[in-house]
PDB file of all heavy atoms in Angstrom:
ATOM      1  N   ARG A   1       0.847  -1.192   0.000  1.00  0.00           N
ATOM      2  CA  ARG A   1       0.000   0.000   0.000  1.00  0.00           C
ATOM      3  C   ARG A   1       0.887   1.248   0.000  1.00  0.00           C
ATOM      4  O   ARG A   1       1.488   1.571   1.019  1.00  0.00           O
ATOM      5  CB  ARG A   1      -0.890  -0.002   1.229  1.00  0.00           C
ATOM      6  CG  ARG A   1      -1.870  -1.150   1.219  1.00  0.00           C
ATOM      7  CD  ARG A   1      -2.625  -1.207   2.532  1.00  0.00           C
ATOM      8  NE  ARG A   1      -3.506  -2.335   2.551  1.00  0.00           N
ATOM      9  CZ  ARG A   1      -3.204  -3.497   3.125  1.00  0.00           C
ATOM     10  NH1 ARG A   1      -2.051  -3.665   3.720  1.00  0.00           N
ATOM     11  NH2 ARG A   1      -4.065  -4.483   3.104  1.00  0.00           N
ATOM     12  N   LEU A   2       0.956   1.921  -1.140  1.00  0.00           N
ATOM     13  CA  LEU A   2       1.818   3.089  -1.279  1.00  0.00           C
ATOM     14  C   LEU A   2       1.116   4.196  -2.042  1.00  0.00           C
ATOM     15  O   LEU A   2       0.315   3.928  -2.933  1.00  0.00           O
ATOM     16  CB  LEU A   2       3.082   2.742  -2.084  1.00  0.00           C
ATOM     17  CG  LEU A   2       4.110   1.820  -1.488  1.00  0.00           C
ATOM     18  CD1 LEU A   2       5.186   1.511  -2.520  1.00  0.00           C
ATOM     19  CD2 LEU A   2       4.727   2.428  -0.262  1.00  0.00           C
ATOM     20  N   THR A   3       1.452   5.417  -1.704  1.00  0.00           N
ATOM     21  CA  THR A   3       1.116   6.561  -2.525  1.00  0.00           C
ATOM     22  C   THR A   3       2.448   7.106  -3.021  1.00  0.00           C
ATOM     23  O   THR A   3       3.382   7.273  -2.243  1.00  0.00           O
ATOM     24  CB  THR A   3       0.376   7.642  -1.718  1.00  0.00           C
ATOM     25  OG1 THR A   3      -0.817   7.056  -1.190  1.00  0.00           O
ATOM     26  CG2 THR A   3       0.008   8.822  -2.596  1.00  0.00           C
ATOM     27  N   ILE A   4       2.533   7.363  -4.326  1.00  0.00           N
ATOM     28  CA  ILE A   4       3.800   7.749  -4.937  1.00  0.00           C
ATOM     29  C   ILE A   4       3.627   9.094  -5.637  1.00  0.00           C
ATOM     30  O   ILE A   4       2.676   9.296  -6.385  1.00  0.00           O
ATOM     31  CB  ILE A   4       4.265   6.677  -5.944  1.00  0.00           C
ATOM     32  CG1 ILE A   4       4.441   5.339  -5.221  1.00  0.00           C
ATOM     33  CG2 ILE A   4       5.545   7.100  -6.643  1.00  0.00           C
ATOM     34  CD1 ILE A   4       4.633   4.165  -6.136  1.00  0.00           C
ATOM     35  N   TYR A   5       4.570  10.003  -5.394  1.00  0.00           N
ATOM     36  CA  TYR A   5       4.570  11.331  -6.001  1.00  0.00           C
ATOM     37  C   TYR A   5       5.886  11.549  -6.735  1.00  0.00           C
ATOM     38  O   TYR A   5       6.940  11.123  -6.266  1.00  0.00           O
ATOM     39  CB  TYR A   5       4.501  12.443  -4.942  1.00  0.00           C
ATOM     40  CG  TYR A   5       3.357  12.371  -3.979  1.00  0.00           C
ATOM     41  CD1 TYR A   5       3.486  11.672  -2.783  1.00  0.00           C
ATOM     42  CD2 TYR A   5       2.176  13.039  -4.231  1.00  0.00           C
ATOM     43  CE1 TYR A   5       2.446  11.626  -1.864  1.00  0.00           C
ATOM     44  CE2 TYR A   5       1.132  13.001  -3.319  1.00  0.00           C
ATOM     45  CZ  TYR A   5       1.273  12.294  -2.138  1.00  0.00           C
ATOM     46  OH  TYR A   5       0.245  12.257  -1.237  1.00  0.00           O
ATOM     47  N   ASP A   6       5.838  12.256  -7.849  1.00  0.00           N
ATOM     48  CA  ASP A   6       7.052  12.768  -8.479  1.00  0.00           C
ATOM     49  C   ASP A   6       7.288  14.146  -7.880  1.00  0.00           C
ATOM     50  O   ASP A   6       6.404  15.009  -7.929  1.00  0.00           O
ATOM     51  CB  ASP A   6       6.876  12.894  -9.994  1.00  0.00           C
ATOM     52  CG  ASP A   6       6.836  11.544 -10.678  1.00  0.00           C
ATOM     53  OD1 ASP A   6       7.636  10.668 -10.304  1.00  0.00           O
ATOM     54  OD2 ASP A   6       6.014  11.367 -11.596  1.00  0.00           O
ATOM     55  N   VAL A   7       8.471  14.342  -7.305  1.00  0.00           N
ATOM     56  CA  VAL A   7       8.798  15.612  -6.665  1.00  0.00           C
ATOM     57  C   VAL A   7      10.179  16.074  -7.128  1.00  0.00           C
ATOM     58  O   VAL A   7      10.911  15.329  -7.783  1.00  0.00           O
ATOM     59  CB  VAL A   7       8.761  15.500  -5.121  1.00  0.00           C
ATOM     60  CG1 VAL A   7       7.365  15.179  -4.633  1.00  0.00           C
ATOM     61  CG2 VAL A   7       9.753  14.464  -4.617  1.00  0.00           C
ATOM     62  N   ARG A   8      10.520  17.297  -6.794  1.00  0.00           N
ATOM     63  CA  ARG A   8      11.858  17.815  -7.078  1.00  0.00           C
ATOM     64  C   ARG A   8      12.394  18.482  -5.821  1.00  0.00           C
ATOM     65  O   ARG A   8      11.628  19.038  -5.036  1.00  0.00           O
ATOM     66  CB  ARG A   8      11.819  18.836  -8.217  1.00  0.00           C
ATOM     67  CG  ARG A   8      11.423  18.218  -9.532  1.00  0.00           C
ATOM     68  CD  ARG A   8      11.490  19.178 -10.669  1.00  0.00           C
ATOM     69  NE  ARG A   8      10.683  20.363 -10.402  1.00  0.00           N
ATOM     70  CZ  ARG A   8      10.874  21.526 -10.996  1.00  0.00           C
ATOM     71  NH1 ARG A   8      11.831  21.678 -11.862  1.00  0.00           N
ATOM     72  NH2 ARG A   8      10.097  22.553 -10.718  1.00  0.00           N
ATOM     73  N   GLY A   9      13.696  18.438  -5.640  1.00  0.00           N
ATOM     74  CA  GLY A   9      14.286  19.088  -4.488  1.00  0.00           C
ATOM     75  C   GLY A   9      15.798  19.001  -4.531  1.00  0.00           C
ATOM     76  O   GLY A   9      16.383  18.452  -5.471  1.00  0.00           O
ATOM     77  N   HIS A  10      16.414  19.550  -3.507  1.00  0.00           N
ATOM     78  CA  HIS A  10      17.866  19.427  -3.384  1.00  0.00           C
ATOM     79  C   HIS A  10      18.260  19.565  -1.928  1.00  0.00           C
ATOM     80  O   HIS A  10      17.561  20.163  -1.118  1.00  0.00           O
ATOM     81  CB  HIS A  10      18.609  20.442  -4.259  1.00  0.00           C
ATOM     82  CG  HIS A  10      18.561  21.846  -3.736  1.00  0.00           C
ATOM     83  ND1 HIS A  10      19.502  22.347  -2.879  1.00  0.00           N
ATOM     84  CD2 HIS A  10      17.679  22.847  -3.946  1.00  0.00           C
ATOM     85  CE1 HIS A  10      19.210  23.610  -2.605  1.00  0.00           C
ATOM     86  NE2 HIS A  10      18.102  23.926  -3.237  1.00  0.00           N
ATOM     87  N   GLY A  11      19.366  18.978  -1.615  1.00  0.00           N
ATOM     88  CA  GLY A  11      19.950  19.055  -0.282  1.00  0.00           C
ATOM     89  C   GLY A  11      21.451  19.128  -0.473  1.00  0.00           C
ATOM     90  O   GLY A  11      21.959  19.990  -1.173  1.00  0.00           O
ATOM     91  N   ARG A  12      22.160  18.177   0.074  1.00  0.00           N
ATOM     92  CA  ARG A  12      23.611  18.150  -0.088  1.00  0.00           C
ATOM     93  C   ARG A  12      24.037  17.875  -1.518  1.00  0.00           C
ATOM     94  O   ARG A  12      25.138  18.186  -1.921  1.00  0.00           O
ATOM     95  CB  ARG A  12      24.216  17.090   0.816  1.00  0.00           C
ATOM     96  CG  ARG A  12      24.148  17.462   2.261  1.00  0.00           C
ATOM     97  CD  ARG A  12      24.907  16.482   3.094  1.00  0.00           C
ATOM     98  NE  ARG A  12      24.786  16.849   4.498  1.00  0.00           N
ATOM     99  CZ  ARG A  12      25.005  16.031   5.484  1.00  0.00           C
ATOM    100  NH1 ARG A  12      25.348  14.799   5.246  1.00  0.00           N
ATOM    101  NH2 ARG A  12      24.876  16.443   6.716  1.00  0.00           N
ATOM    102  N   GLN A  13      23.152  17.279  -2.288  1.00  0.00           N
ATOM    103  CA  GLN A  13      23.477  16.941  -3.672  1.00  0.00           C
ATOM    104  C   GLN A  13      23.682  18.199  -4.518  1.00  0.00           C
ATOM    105  O   GLN A  13      24.443  18.189  -5.474  1.00  0.00           O
ATOM    106  CB  GLN A  13      22.356  16.073  -4.255  1.00  0.00           C
ATOM    107  CG  GLN A  13      22.756  15.274  -5.454  1.00  0.00           C
ATOM    108  CD  GLN A  13      21.644  14.324  -5.871  1.00  0.00           C
ATOM    109  OE1 GLN A  13      20.560  14.320  -5.310  1.00  0.00           O
ATOM    110  NE2 GLN A  13      21.918  13.517  -6.854  1.00  0.00           N
ATOM    111  N   LYS A  14      23.001  19.274  -4.166  1.00  0.00           N
ATOM    112  CA  LYS A  14      23.153  20.618  -4.732  1.00  0.00           C
ATOM    113  C   LYS A  14      22.774  20.797  -6.195  1.00  0.00           C
ATOM    114  O   LYS A  14      22.582  21.895  -6.635  1.00  0.00           O
ATOM    115  CB  LYS A  14      24.590  21.141  -4.555  1.00  0.00           C
ATOM    116  CG  LYS A  14      25.045  21.205  -3.146  1.00  0.00           C
ATOM    117  CD  LYS A  14      24.392  22.335  -2.405  1.00  0.00           C
ATOM    118  CE  LYS A  14      25.045  22.491  -1.055  1.00  0.00           C
ATOM    119  NZ  LYS A  14      24.152  22.637   0.004  1.00  0.00           N
ATOM    120  N   GLY A  15      22.703  19.813  -7.001  1.00  0.00           N
ATOM    121  CA  GLY A  15      22.383  19.997  -8.408  1.00  0.00           C
ATOM    122  C   GLY A  15      23.622  19.912  -9.281  1.00  0.00           C
ATOM    123  O   GLY A  15      24.688  19.500  -8.841  1.00  0.00           O
ATOM    124  N   HIS A  16      23.472  20.335 -10.532  1.00  0.00           N
ATOM    125  CA  HIS A  16      24.576  20.269 -11.479  1.00  0.00           C
ATOM    126  C   HIS A  16      24.329  21.259 -12.611  1.00  0.00           C
ATOM    127  O   HIS A  16      23.256  21.835 -12.728  1.00  0.00           O
ATOM    128  CB  HIS A  16      24.739  18.848 -12.020  1.00  0.00           C
ATOM    129  CG  HIS A  16      23.509  18.337 -12.708  1.00  0.00           C
ATOM    130  ND1 HIS A  16      22.454  17.772 -12.028  1.00  0.00           N
ATOM    131  CD2 HIS A  16      23.146  18.340 -14.010  1.00  0.00           C
ATOM    132  CE1 HIS A  16      21.506  17.432 -12.883  1.00  0.00           C
ATOM    133  NE2 HIS A  16      21.891  17.774 -14.094  1.00  0.00           N
ATOM    134  N   LYS A  17      25.343  21.433 -13.448  1.00  0.00           N
ATOM    135  CA  LYS A  17      25.218  22.324 -14.600  1.00  0.00           C
ATOM    136  C   LYS A  17      24.986  21.493 -15.854  1.00  0.00           C
ATOM    137  O   LYS A  17      25.530  20.416 -16.004  1.00  0.00           O
ATOM    138  CB  LYS A  17      26.473  23.165 -14.771  1.00  0.00           C
ATOM    139  CG  LYS A  17      26.663  24.137 -13.645  1.00  0.00           C
ATOM    140  CD  LYS A  17      27.840  25.023 -13.875  1.00  0.00           C
ATOM    141  CE  LYS A  17      27.974  25.833 -12.638  1.00  0.00           C
ATOM    142  NZ  LYS A  17      28.418  27.011 -12.505  1.00  0.00           N
ATOM    143  N   GLU A  18      24.160  22.034 -16.736  1.00  0.00           N
ATOM    144  CA  GLU A  18      23.907  21.401 -18.024  1.00  0.00           C
ATOM    145  C   GLU A  18      24.047  22.445 -19.118  1.00  0.00           C
ATOM    146  O   GLU A  18      23.971  23.650 -18.857  1.00  0.00           O
ATOM    147  CB  GLU A  18      22.509  20.780 -18.068  1.00  0.00           C
ATOM    148  CG  GLU A  18      22.360  19.554 -17.195  1.00  0.00           C
ATOM    149  CD  GLU A  18      21.044  18.831 -17.410  1.00  0.00           C
ATOM    150  OE1 GLU A  18      20.271  19.213 -18.316  1.00  0.00           O
ATOM    151  OE2 GLU A  18      20.790  17.889 -16.652  1.00  0.00           O
ATOM    152  N   VAL A  19      24.245  21.968 -20.329  1.00  0.00           N
ATOM    153  CA  VAL A  19      24.341  22.863 -21.477  1.00  0.00           C
ATOM    154  C   VAL A  19      23.193  22.532 -22.427  1.00  0.00           C
ATOM    155  O   VAL A  19      22.974  21.368 -22.764  1.00  0.00           O
ATOM    156  CB  VAL A  19      25.700  22.704 -22.200  1.00  0.00           C
ATOM    157  CG1 VAL A  19      25.752  23.588 -23.430  1.00  0.00           C
ATOM    158  CG2 VAL A  19      26.842  23.015 -21.250  1.00  0.00           C
ATOM    159  N   TYR A  20      22.452  23.562 -22.828  1.00  0.00           N
ATOM    160  CA  TYR A  20      21.353  23.387 -23.758  1.00  0.00           C
ATOM    161  C   TYR A  20      21.480  24.476 -24.816  1.00  0.00           C
ATOM    162  O   TYR A  20      21.463  25.668 -24.495  1.00  0.00           O
ATOM    163  CB  TYR A  20      20.006  23.488 -23.035  1.00  0.00           C
ATOM    164  CG  TYR A  20      18.818  23.348 -23.940  1.00  0.00           C
ATOM    165  CD1 TYR A  20      18.489  22.110 -24.481  1.00  0.00           C
ATOM    166  CD2 TYR A  20      18.035  24.448 -24.266  1.00  0.00           C
ATOM    167  CE1 TYR A  20      17.393  21.981 -25.325  1.00  0.00           C
ATOM    168  CE2 TYR A  20      16.939  24.324 -25.096  1.00  0.00           C
ATOM    169  CZ  TYR A  20      16.631  23.082 -25.626  1.00  0.00           C
ATOM    170  OH  TYR A  20      15.554  22.944 -26.456  1.00  0.00           O
ATOM    171  N   ARG A  21      21.638  24.050 -26.070  1.00  0.00           N
ATOM    172  CA  ARG A  21      21.798  24.972 -27.198  1.00  0.00           C
ATOM    173  C   ARG A  21      22.897  26.004 -26.939  1.00  0.00           C
ATOM    174  O   ARG A  21      22.741  27.197 -27.182  1.00  0.00           O
ATOM    175  CB  ARG A  21      20.490  25.656 -27.537  1.00  0.00           C
ATOM    176  CG  ARG A  21      19.462  24.691 -28.051  1.00  0.00           C
ATOM    177  CD  ARG A  21      18.255  25.403 -28.575  1.00  0.00           C
ATOM    178  NE  ARG A  21      17.335  24.427 -29.132  1.00  0.00           N
ATOM    179  CZ  ARG A  21      16.191  24.719 -29.677  1.00  0.00           C
ATOM    180  NH1 ARG A  21      15.796  25.970 -29.757  1.00  0.00           N
ATOM    181  NH2 ARG A  21      15.416  23.775 -30.154  1.00  0.00           N
ATOM    182  N   GLY A  22      23.991  25.513 -26.397  1.00  0.00           N
ATOM    183  CA  GLY A  22      25.150  26.357 -26.175  1.00  0.00           C
ATOM    184  C   GLY A  22      25.106  27.208 -24.923  1.00  0.00           C
ATOM    185  O   GLY A  22      26.084  27.864 -24.589  1.00  0.00           O
ATOM    186  N   GLN A  23      24.000  27.186 -24.203  1.00  0.00           N
ATOM    187  CA  GLN A  23      23.879  27.960 -22.975  1.00  0.00           C
ATOM    188  C   GLN A  23      24.015  27.043 -21.773  1.00  0.00           C
ATOM    189  O   GLN A  23      23.371  25.994 -21.698  1.00  0.00           O
ATOM    190  CB  GLN A  23      22.511  28.657 -22.909  1.00  0.00           C
ATOM    191  CG  GLN A  23      22.292  29.706 -23.961  1.00  0.00           C
ATOM    192  CD  GLN A  23      23.142  30.939 -23.693  1.00  0.00           C
ATOM    193  OE1 GLN A  23      23.550  31.216 -22.582  1.00  0.00           O
ATOM    194  NE2 GLN A  23      23.426  31.677 -24.761  1.00  0.00           N
ATOM    195  N   GLU A  24      24.854  27.429 -20.847  1.00  0.00           N
ATOM    196  CA  GLU A  24      25.021  26.663 -19.611  1.00  0.00           C
ATOM    197  C   GLU A  24      24.015  27.169 -18.586  1.00  0.00           C
ATOM    198  O   GLU A  24      23.798  28.370 -18.450  1.00  0.00           O
ATOM    199  CB  GLU A  24      26.445  26.858 -19.086  1.00  0.00           C
ATOM    200  CG  GLU A  24      26.767  25.964 -17.917  1.00  0.00           C
ATOM    201  CD  GLU A  24      28.218  26.076 -17.500  1.00  0.00           C
ATOM    202  OE1 GLU A  24      29.069  25.419 -18.128  1.00  0.00           O
ATOM    203  OE2 GLU A  24      28.476  26.839 -16.555  1.00  0.00           O
ATOM    204  N   TYR A  25      23.379  26.245 -17.884  1.00  0.00           N
ATOM    205  CA  TYR A  25      22.456  26.631 -16.831  1.00  0.00           C
ATOM    206  C   TYR A  25      22.540  25.651 -15.676  1.00  0.00           C
ATOM    207  O   TYR A  25      22.969  24.522 -15.824  1.00  0.00           O
ATOM    208  CB  TYR A  25      21.015  26.761 -17.358  1.00  0.00           C
ATOM    209  CG  TYR A  25      20.410  25.469 -17.852  1.00  0.00           C
ATOM    210  CD1 TYR A  25      19.564  24.726 -17.031  1.00  0.00           C
ATOM    211  CD2 TYR A  25      20.677  24.986 -19.125  1.00  0.00           C
ATOM    212  CE1 TYR A  25      19.006  23.546 -17.478  1.00  0.00           C
ATOM    213  CE2 TYR A  25      20.124  23.803 -19.579  1.00  0.00           C
ATOM    214  CZ  TYR A  25      19.290  23.091 -18.749  1.00  0.00           C
ATOM    215  OH  TYR A  25      18.739  21.914 -19.185  1.00  0.00           O
ATOM    216  N   GLU A  26      22.129  26.128 -14.522  1.00  0.00           N
ATOM    217  CA  GLU A  26      22.199  25.368 -13.278  1.00  0.00           C
ATOM    218  C   GLU A  26      20.888  24.600 -13.070  1.00  0.00           C
ATOM    219  O   GLU A  26      19.806  25.185 -13.134  1.00  0.00           O
ATOM    220  CB  GLU A  26      22.417  26.316 -12.103  1.00  0.00           C
ATOM    221  CG  GLU A  26      22.613  25.643 -10.773  1.00  0.00           C
ATOM    222  CD  GLU A  26      23.996  25.050 -10.598  1.00  0.00           C
ATOM    223  OE1 GLU A  26      24.937  25.509 -11.266  1.00  0.00           O
ATOM    224  OE2 GLU A  26      24.115  24.118  -9.788  1.00  0.00           O
ATOM    225  N   VAL A  27      21.001  23.306 -12.818  1.00  0.00           N
ATOM    226  CA  VAL A  27      19.848  22.481 -12.456  1.00  0.00           C
ATOM    227  C   VAL A  27      19.981  22.219 -10.958  1.00  0.00           C
ATOM    228  O   VAL A  27      20.787  21.396 -10.541  1.00  0.00           O
ATOM    229  CB  VAL A  27      19.823  21.147 -13.248  1.00  0.00           C
ATOM    230  CG1 VAL A  27      18.656  20.289 -12.797  1.00  0.00           C
ATOM    231  CG2 VAL A  27      19.773  21.410 -14.737  1.00  0.00           C
ATOM    232  N   ASP A  28      19.226  22.976 -10.151  1.00  0.00           N
ATOM    233  CA  ASP A  28      19.375  22.830  -8.708  1.00  0.00           C
ATOM    234  C   ASP A  28      18.198  22.127  -8.042  1.00  0.00           C
ATOM    235  O   ASP A  28      18.251  21.805  -6.870  1.00  0.00           O
ATOM    236  CB  ASP A  28      19.646  24.170  -8.042  1.00  0.00           C
ATOM    237  CG  ASP A  28      18.538  25.181  -8.249  1.00  0.00           C
ATOM    238  OD1 ASP A  28      17.628  24.905  -9.049  1.00  0.00           O
ATOM    239  OD2 ASP A  28      18.589  26.242  -7.617  1.00  0.00           O
ATOM    240  N   LEU A  29      17.136  21.881  -8.781  1.00  0.00           N
ATOM    241  CA  LEU A  29      16.028  21.077  -8.265  1.00  0.00           C
ATOM    242  C   LEU A  29      16.032  19.761  -9.027  1.00  0.00           C
ATOM    243  O   LEU A  29      15.671  19.696 -10.194  1.00  0.00           O
ATOM    244  CB  LEU A  29      14.692  21.803  -8.446  1.00  0.00           C
ATOM    245  CG  LEU A  29      14.532  23.066  -7.611  1.00  0.00           C
ATOM    246  CD1 LEU A  29      13.233  23.768  -7.961  1.00  0.00           C
ATOM    247  CD2 LEU A  29      14.582  22.745  -6.136  1.00  0.00           C
ATOM    248  N   LEU A  30      16.457  18.727  -8.332  1.00  0.00           N
ATOM    249  CA  LEU A  30      16.633  17.421  -8.967  1.00  0.00           C
ATOM    250  C   LEU A  30      15.393  16.558  -8.797  1.00  0.00           C
ATOM    251  O   LEU A  30      14.706  16.636  -7.770  1.00  0.00           O
ATOM    252  CB  LEU A  30      17.843  16.725  -8.350  1.00  0.00           C
ATOM    253  CG  LEU A  30      19.156  17.510  -8.493  1.00  0.00           C
ATOM    254  CD1 LEU A  30      20.248  16.849  -7.684  1.00  0.00           C
ATOM    255  CD2 LEU A  30      19.546  17.629  -9.947  1.00  0.00           C
ATOM    256  N   PRO A  31      15.093  15.709  -9.777  1.00  0.00           N
ATOM    257  CA  PRO A  31      13.914  14.845  -9.668  1.00  0.00           C
ATOM    258  C   PRO A  31      14.104  13.785  -8.585  1.00  0.00           C
ATOM    259  O   PRO A  31      15.168  13.171  -8.473  1.00  0.00           O
ATOM    260  CB  PRO A  31      13.798  14.204 -11.049  1.00  0.00           C
ATOM    261  CG  PRO A  31      15.145  14.327 -11.660  1.00  0.00           C
ATOM    262  CD  PRO A  31      15.801  15.514 -11.042  1.00  0.00           C
ATOM    263  N   LYS A  32      13.071  13.612  -7.791  1.00  0.00           N
ATOM    264  CA  LYS A  32      13.030  12.591  -6.741  1.00  0.00           C
ATOM    265  C   LYS A  32      11.649  11.948  -6.774  1.00  0.00           C
ATOM    266  O   LYS A  32      10.747  12.399  -7.460  1.00  0.00           O
ATOM    267  CB  LYS A  32      13.261  13.199  -5.356  1.00  0.00           C
ATOM    268  CG  LYS A  32      14.558  13.953  -5.189  1.00  0.00           C
ATOM    269  CD  LYS A  32      15.727  13.031  -5.127  1.00  0.00           C
ATOM    270  CE  LYS A  32      17.007  13.845  -4.905  1.00  0.00           C
ATOM    271  NZ  LYS A  32      18.144  13.004  -4.761  1.00  0.00           N
ATOM    272  N   VAL A  33      11.481  10.905  -6.000  1.00  0.00           N
ATOM    273  CA  VAL A  33      10.183  10.256  -5.832  1.00  0.00           C
ATOM    274  C   VAL A  33       9.872  10.243  -4.338  1.00  0.00           C
ATOM    275  O   VAL A  33      10.744   9.954  -3.519  1.00  0.00           O
ATOM    276  CB  VAL A  33      10.205   8.810  -6.385  1.00  0.00           C
ATOM    277  CG1 VAL A  33       8.916   8.088  -6.050  1.00  0.00           C
ATOM    278  CG2 VAL A  33      10.434   8.814  -7.874  1.00  0.00           C
ATOM    279  N   LYS A  34       8.644  10.582  -4.003  1.00  0.00           N
ATOM    280  CA  LYS A  34       8.203  10.549  -2.607  1.00  0.00           C
ATOM    281  C   LYS A  34       7.198   9.421  -2.449  1.00  0.00           C
ATOM    282  O   LYS A  34       6.215   9.338  -3.190  1.00  0.00           O
ATOM    283  CB  LYS A  34       7.558  11.877  -2.216  1.00  0.00           C
ATOM    284  CG  LYS A  34       7.073  11.911  -0.786  1.00  0.00           C
ATOM    285  CD  LYS A  34       6.483  13.266  -0.458  1.00  0.00           C
ATOM    286  CE  LYS A  34       5.989  13.318   0.969  1.00  0.00           C
ATOM    287  NZ  LYS A  34       5.419  14.628   1.291  1.00  0.00           N
ATOM    288  N   LEU A  35       7.465   8.555  -1.493  1.00  0.00           N
ATOM    289  CA  LEU A  35       6.562   7.452  -1.162  1.00  0.00           C
ATOM    290  C   LEU A  35       5.908   7.771   0.178  1.00  0.00           C
ATOM    291  O   LEU A  35       6.578   8.236   1.095  1.00  0.00           O
ATOM    292  CB  LEU A  35       7.326   6.138  -1.001  1.00  0.00           C
ATOM    293  CG  LEU A  35       8.271   5.714  -2.097  1.00  0.00           C
ATOM    294  CD1 LEU A  35       9.020   4.471  -1.662  1.00  0.00           C
ATOM    295  CD2 LEU A  35       7.506   5.441  -3.365  1.00  0.00           C
ATOM    296  N   GLU A  36       4.630   7.487   0.289  1.00  0.00           N
ATOM    297  CA  GLU A  36       3.933   7.603   1.566  1.00  0.00           C
ATOM    298  C   GLU A  36       3.189   6.311   1.825  1.00  0.00           C
ATOM    299  O   GLU A  36       2.601   5.730   0.914  1.00  0.00           O
ATOM    300  CB  GLU A  36       2.927   8.755   1.555  1.00  0.00           C
ATOM    301  CG  GLU A  36       3.537  10.113   1.589  1.00  0.00           C
ATOM    302  CD  GLU A  36       2.481  11.207   1.680  1.00  0.00           C
ATOM    303  OE1 GLU A  36       1.266  10.903   1.731  1.00  0.00           O
ATOM    304  OE2 GLU A  36       2.878  12.376   1.693  1.00  0.00           O
ATOM    305  N   THR A  37       3.224   5.883   3.066  1.00  0.00           N
ATOM    306  CA  THR A  37       2.462   4.709   3.462  1.00  0.00           C
ATOM    307  C   THR A  37       2.151   4.804   4.948  1.00  0.00           C
ATOM    308  O   THR A  37       2.857   5.478   5.697  1.00  0.00           O
ATOM    309  CB  THR A  37       3.203   3.397   3.129  1.00  0.00           C
ATOM    310  OG1 THR A  37       2.335   2.288   3.344  1.00  0.00           O
ATOM    311  CG2 THR A  37       4.470   3.233   3.945  1.00  0.00           C
ATOM    312  N   ILE A  38       1.091   4.145   5.363  1.00  0.00           N
ATOM    313  CA  ILE A  38       0.701   4.072   6.766  1.00  0.00           C
ATOM    314  C   ILE A  38       0.862   2.624   7.205  1.00  0.00           C
ATOM    315  O   ILE A  38       0.431   1.712   6.493  1.00  0.00           O
ATOM    316  CB  ILE A  38      -0.764   4.511   6.973  1.00  0.00           C
ATOM    317  CG1 ILE A  38      -1.046   5.870   6.333  1.00  0.00           C
ATOM    318  CG2 ILE A  38      -1.135   4.502   8.450  1.00  0.00           C
ATOM    319  CD1 ILE A  38      -0.298   7.028   6.918  1.00  0.00           C
ATOM    320  N   VAL A  39       1.484   2.429   8.364  1.00  0.00           N
ATOM    321  CA  VAL A  39       1.711   1.069   8.863  1.00  0.00           C
ATOM    322  C   VAL A  39       1.287   0.974  10.321  1.00  0.00           C
ATOM    323  O   VAL A  39       1.348   1.968  11.057  1.00  0.00           O
ATOM    324  CB  VAL A  39       3.195   0.642   8.721  1.00  0.00           C
ATOM    325  CG1 VAL A  39       3.621   0.608   7.274  1.00  0.00           C
ATOM    326  CG2 VAL A  39       4.111   1.537   9.514  1.00  0.00           C
ATOM    327  N   PRO A  40       0.891  -0.217  10.754  1.00  0.00           N
ATOM    328  CA  PRO A  40       0.659  -0.417  12.189  1.00  0.00           C
ATOM    329  C   PRO A  40       1.983  -0.263  12.937  1.00  0.00           C
ATOM    330  O   PRO A  40       3.055  -0.507  12.379  1.00  0.00           O
ATOM    331  CB  PRO A  40       0.146  -1.860  12.283  1.00  0.00           C
ATOM    332  CG  PRO A  40      -0.184  -2.275  10.895  1.00  0.00           C
ATOM    333  CD  PRO A  40       0.599  -1.409   9.977  1.00  0.00           C
ATOM    334  N   ASP A  41       1.914   0.123  14.194  1.00  0.00           N
ATOM    335  CA  ASP A  41       3.123   0.345  14.990  1.00  0.00           C
ATOM    336  C   ASP A  41       4.067  -0.851  14.984  1.00  0.00           C
ATOM    337  O   ASP A  41       5.282  -0.682  14.937  1.00  0.00           O
ATOM    338  CB  ASP A  41       2.761   0.698  16.437  1.00  0.00           C
ATOM    339  CG  ASP A  41       2.095   2.059  16.551  1.00  0.00           C
ATOM    340  OD1 ASP A  41       2.273   2.895  15.646  1.00  0.00           O
ATOM    341  OD2 ASP A  41       1.401   2.299  17.557  1.00  0.00           O
ATOM    342  N   ASP A  42       3.518  -2.052  15.001  1.00  0.00           N
ATOM    343  CA  ASP A  42       4.370  -3.243  15.095  1.00  0.00           C
ATOM    344  C   ASP A  42       5.120  -3.566  13.797  1.00  0.00           C
ATOM    345  O   ASP A  42       6.038  -4.373  13.801  1.00  0.00           O
ATOM    346  CB  ASP A  42       3.564  -4.455  15.556  1.00  0.00           C
ATOM    347  CG  ASP A  42       2.443  -4.836  14.603  1.00  0.00           C
ATOM    348  OD1 ASP A  42       1.980  -3.968  13.831  1.00  0.00           O
ATOM    349  OD2 ASP A  42       2.019  -6.011  14.632  1.00  0.00           O
ATOM    350  N   ARG A  43       4.775  -2.931  12.687  1.00  0.00           N
ATOM    351  CA  ARG A  43       5.470  -3.167  11.412  1.00  0.00           C
ATOM    352  C   ARG A  43       6.409  -2.032  11.022  1.00  0.00           C
ATOM    353  O   ARG A  43       7.075  -2.100   9.999  1.00  0.00           O
ATOM    354  CB  ARG A  43       4.450  -3.362  10.275  1.00  0.00           C
ATOM    355  CG  ARG A  43       3.566  -4.559  10.498  1.00  0.00           C
ATOM    356  CD  ARG A  43       3.346  -5.493   9.366  1.00  0.00           C
ATOM    357  NE  ARG A  43       4.415  -5.716   8.434  1.00  0.00           N
ATOM    358  CZ  ARG A  43       4.233  -5.782   7.118  1.00  0.00           C
ATOM    359  NH1 ARG A  43       3.040  -5.624   6.603  1.00  0.00           N
ATOM    360  NH2 ARG A  43       5.247  -6.013   6.318  1.00  0.00           N
ATOM    361  N   LEU A  44       6.453  -0.986  11.838  1.00  0.00           N
ATOM    362  CA  LEU A  44       7.220   0.210  11.498  1.00  0.00           C
ATOM    363  C   LEU A  44       8.688  -0.093  11.202  1.00  0.00           C
ATOM    364  O   LEU A  44       9.187   0.246  10.135  1.00  0.00           O
ATOM    365  CB  LEU A  44       7.123   1.246  12.621  1.00  0.00           C
ATOM    366  CG  LEU A  44       7.986   2.488  12.423  1.00  0.00           C
ATOM    367  CD1 LEU A  44       7.515   3.291  11.221  1.00  0.00           C
ATOM    368  CD2 LEU A  44       8.002   3.327  13.678  1.00  0.00           C
TER     369      LEU A  44
END
């Protein structure tokens, strides 16, 4: 039983630089996946 979201963020990873059509730009929000689930205390 999961709920799954596509999210973006950054922490220590900080992002990276990319080049598109000769222009360099900073990608600082990286794609991540967020999972949510509820469990009974004994399965935590």
